[in-house]
């Protein structure tokens, strides 16, 4: 790090501390040439993700917009703010782990629905009805039927698992 006072190229780090948010590191430095001290802030460069909308437009990923959509689906449901934040974090982490600069809004919606389905079925159906743009009650009922079918299969899998372990498998 170059000294801001004299321009000397090789300053010494005296102290490093993460800030409260854990995203920024504060470093206290000293210049061996002029003896002056100064502070630097180090942040991680985060990959910017762009969302490709259905009409082809691109906009920067907005976590707050994601949270608002999840909160709307969870209105008057026993879902905590921490649960909503957790889903948003899981979706954002999944997107960042892909390492892609662009992701479709459809992929984001599918991720949200996957996590909402695990958390609260009513919130899941609410989100799905808006996200998938149900036009008829039949489309809505079909989604409910699929939800019931997957629950029955999961229940049967859970019941079969202990029996399989008991058979020495």
Protein backbone atom coordinates (compact mmCIF):
# COMPACT_ATOMS: atom_id res chain seq x y z
CA UNK A 1 0.00 0.00 0.00
CA UNK A 2 1.38 3.38 -1.01
CA UNK A 3 1.69 6.04 1.70
CA UNK A 4 -0.82 8.85 0.99
CA UNK A 5 1.58 11.41 2.50
CA UNK A 6 4.96 10.72 0.89
CA UNK A 7 4.18 8.08 -1.74
CA UNK A 8 6.50 5.45 -0.28
CA UNK A 9 5.55 2.04 -1.72
CA UNK A 10 6.00 -0.32 1.23
CA UNK A 11 3.92 0.60 4.28
CA UNK A 12 3.58 -1.62 7.34
CA UNK A 13 0.31 -2.99 8.77
CA UNK A 14 0.11 -2.30 12.53
CA UNK A 15 -3.37 -3.64 13.24
CA UNK A 16 -6.22 -5.38 11.34
CA UNK A 17 -9.80 -5.62 12.59
CA UNK A 18 -13.04 -6.61 10.94
CA UNK A 19 -15.81 -4.03 11.22
CA UNK A 20 -19.14 -4.91 12.84
CA UNK A 21 -20.68 -6.03 9.56
CA UNK A 22 -17.83 -8.49 8.92
CA UNK A 23 -17.62 -7.36 5.29
CA UNK A 24 -14.98 -4.67 5.73
CA UNK A 25 -11.53 -5.00 7.30
CA UNK A 26 -9.99 -1.91 8.89
CA UNK A 27 -6.19 -1.78 8.73
CA UNK A 28 -4.04 0.68 10.64
CA UNK A 29 -0.80 1.33 8.74
CA UNK A 30 2.48 3.16 9.27
CA UNK A 31 4.95 4.48 6.72
CA UNK A 32 8.59 3.63 7.54
CA UNK A 33 9.76 6.52 5.34
CA UNK A 34 7.84 9.51 6.77
CA UNK A 35 6.55 7.90 9.99
CA UNK A 36 2.95 8.96 9.44
CA UNK A 37 0.03 6.65 10.19
CA UNK A 38 -3.16 6.12 8.23
CA UNK A 39 -6.13 3.78 8.03
CA UNK A 40 -7.35 1.74 5.07
CA UNK A 41 -10.60 -0.13 4.60
CA UNK A 42 -10.53 -3.37 2.65
CA UNK A 43 -13.67 -4.81 1.08
CA UNK A 44 -14.28 -7.93 -0.91
CA UNK A 45 -15.17 -7.38 -4.54
CA UNK A 46 -18.48 -9.11 -5.02
CA UNK A 47 -19.62 -10.51 -8.34
CA UNK A 48 -22.45 -8.37 -9.67
CA UNK A 49 -25.37 -10.48 -10.78
CA UNK A 50 -27.78 -9.29 -13.43
CA UNK A 51 -31.31 -10.64 -13.65
CA UNK A 52 -32.63 -11.32 -17.14
CA UNK A 53 -36.34 -10.54 -17.06
CA UNK A 54 -38.97 -12.37 -19.13
CA UNK A 55 -39.08 -9.53 -21.67
CA UNK A 56 -35.29 -9.63 -22.11
CA UNK A 57 -34.49 -6.56 -20.00
CA UNK A 58 -31.58 -6.84 -17.59
CA UNK A 59 -31.38 -5.30 -14.15
CA UNK A 60 -29.01 -5.69 -11.26
CA UNK A 61 -29.98 -8.31 -8.67
CA UNK A 62 -31.79 -6.56 -5.82
CA UNK A 63 -31.92 -8.45 -2.52
CA UNK A 64 -34.48 -6.00 -1.09
CA UNK A 65 -36.84 -6.70 -4.00
CA UNK A 66 -36.42 -10.43 -3.39
CA UNK A 67 -37.22 -10.00 0.32
CA UNK A 68 -40.34 -7.92 -0.47
CA UNK A 69 -41.66 -10.68 -2.75
CA UNK A 70 -41.06 -13.34 -0.12
CA UNK A 71 -42.63 -11.17 2.61
CA UNK A 72 -45.70 -10.61 0.48
CA UNK A 73 -46.19 -14.37 0.06
CA UNK A 74 -45.72 -14.83 3.83
CA UNK A 75 -48.21 -12.15 4.89
CA UNK A 76 -50.24 -13.30 7.92
CA UNK A 77 -48.36 -16.61 8.01
CA UNK A 78 -46.30 -17.92 10.95
CA UNK A 79 -43.06 -17.04 9.16
CA UNK A 80 -40.49 -14.94 11.00
CA UNK A 81 -38.38 -12.13 9.60
CA UNK A 82 -35.37 -14.39 10.16
CA UNK A 83 -37.00 -17.08 8.00
CA UNK A 84 -37.54 -14.58 5.18
CA UNK A 85 -33.95 -13.32 5.49
CA UNK A 86 -32.71 -16.91 5.49
CA UNK A 87 -34.51 -17.72 2.25
CA UNK A 88 -33.15 -14.56 0.63
CA UNK A 89 -29.63 -15.46 1.80
CA UNK A 90 -29.94 -19.03 0.54
CA UNK A 91 -31.14 -17.83 -2.87
CA UNK A 92 -28.40 -15.21 -3.12
CA UNK A 93 -25.73 -17.73 -2.05
CA UNK A 94 -26.98 -20.26 -4.62
CA UNK A 95 -26.74 -17.61 -7.33
CA UNK A 96 -23.25 -16.48 -6.32
CA UNK A 97 -21.97 -20.07 -6.12
CA UNK A 98 -22.93 -20.51 -9.76
CA UNK A 99 -20.41 -17.82 -10.63
CA UNK A 100 -22.54 -16.56 -13.52
CA UNK A 101 -22.98 -12.87 -14.18
CA UNK A 102 -26.53 -13.30 -15.49
CA UNK A 103 -29.41 -15.37 -14.19
CA UNK A 104 -33.00 -15.51 -15.39
CA UNK A 105 -35.81 -14.27 -13.20
CA UNK A 106 -37.37 -17.70 -13.75
CA UNK A 107 -34.43 -19.43 -12.02
CA UNK A 108 -34.69 -17.07 -9.06
CA UNK A 109 -38.43 -17.74 -8.78
CA UNK A 110 -37.84 -21.51 -8.83
CA UNK A 111 -35.27 -21.22 -6.04
CA UNK A 112 -37.62 -19.12 -3.90
CA UNK A 113 -40.44 -21.61 -4.44
CA UNK A 114 -38.21 -24.53 -3.48
CA UNK A 115 -37.29 -22.89 -0.17
CA UNK A 116 -40.82 -21.60 0.53
CA UNK A 117 -42.24 -25.07 -0.11
CA UNK A 118 -40.01 -26.42 2.70
CA UNK A 119 -41.01 -23.60 5.04
CA UNK A 120 -44.73 -22.88 4.56
CA UNK A 121 -47.09 -24.43 2.02
CA UNK A 122 -49.52 -21.52 1.96
CA UNK A 123 -46.74 -19.01 1.34
CA UNK A 124 -45.41 -21.33 -1.36
CA UNK A 125 -48.78 -21.48 -3.15
CA UNK A 126 -49.21 -17.71 -2.85
CA UNK A 127 -45.78 -17.10 -4.36
CA UNK A 128 -46.34 -19.72 -7.08
CA UNK A 129 -49.71 -18.22 -8.04
CA UNK A 130 -48.14 -14.82 -8.68
CA UNK A 131 -44.87 -16.11 -10.10
CA UNK A 132 -46.45 -18.63 -12.45
CA UNK A 133 -49.27 -16.21 -13.30
CA UNK A 134 -52.15 -18.62 -12.83
CA UNK A 135 -55.00 -17.56 -15.09
CA UNK A 136 -57.60 -20.09 -14.02
CA UNK A 137 -58.66 -21.89 -10.88
CA UNK A 138 -57.73 -25.16 -12.62
CA UNK A 139 -54.08 -24.08 -12.80
CA UNK A 140 -54.23 -23.22 -9.11
CA UNK A 141 -55.85 -26.56 -8.22
CA UNK A 142 -53.26 -28.45 -10.29
CA UNK A 143 -50.47 -26.82 -8.26
CA UNK A 144 -52.22 -27.86 -5.03
CA UNK A 145 -52.60 -31.40 -6.35
CA UNK A 146 -48.87 -31.57 -7.15
CA UNK A 147 -48.10 -30.29 -3.65
CA UNK A 148 -50.25 -33.05 -2.12
CA UNK A 149 -48.68 -35.71 -4.36
CA UNK A 150 -45.14 -34.69 -3.39
CA UNK A 151 -46.10 -34.74 0.31
CA UNK A 152 -47.50 -38.26 0.03
CA UNK A 153 -44.33 -39.43 -1.73
CA UNK A 154 -42.11 -37.79 0.89
CA UNK A 155 -44.16 -39.40 3.65
CA UNK A 156 -43.88 -42.82 2.03
CA UNK A 157 -40.12 -42.37 1.59
CA UNK A 158 -39.78 -41.44 5.27
CA UNK A 159 -41.75 -44.53 6.33
CA UNK A 160 -39.77 -46.83 4.03
CA UNK A 161 -36.38 -45.57 5.23
CA UNK A 162 -36.49 -47.10 8.76
CA UNK A 163 -37.74 -50.41 7.34
CA UNK A 164 -34.83 -50.51 4.88
CA UNK A 165 -32.33 -49.90 7.69
CA UNK A 166 -33.89 -52.70 9.73
CA UNK A 167 -33.33 -55.14 6.85
CA UNK A 168 -29.56 -54.64 6.99
CA UNK A 169 -29.40 -52.40 3.93
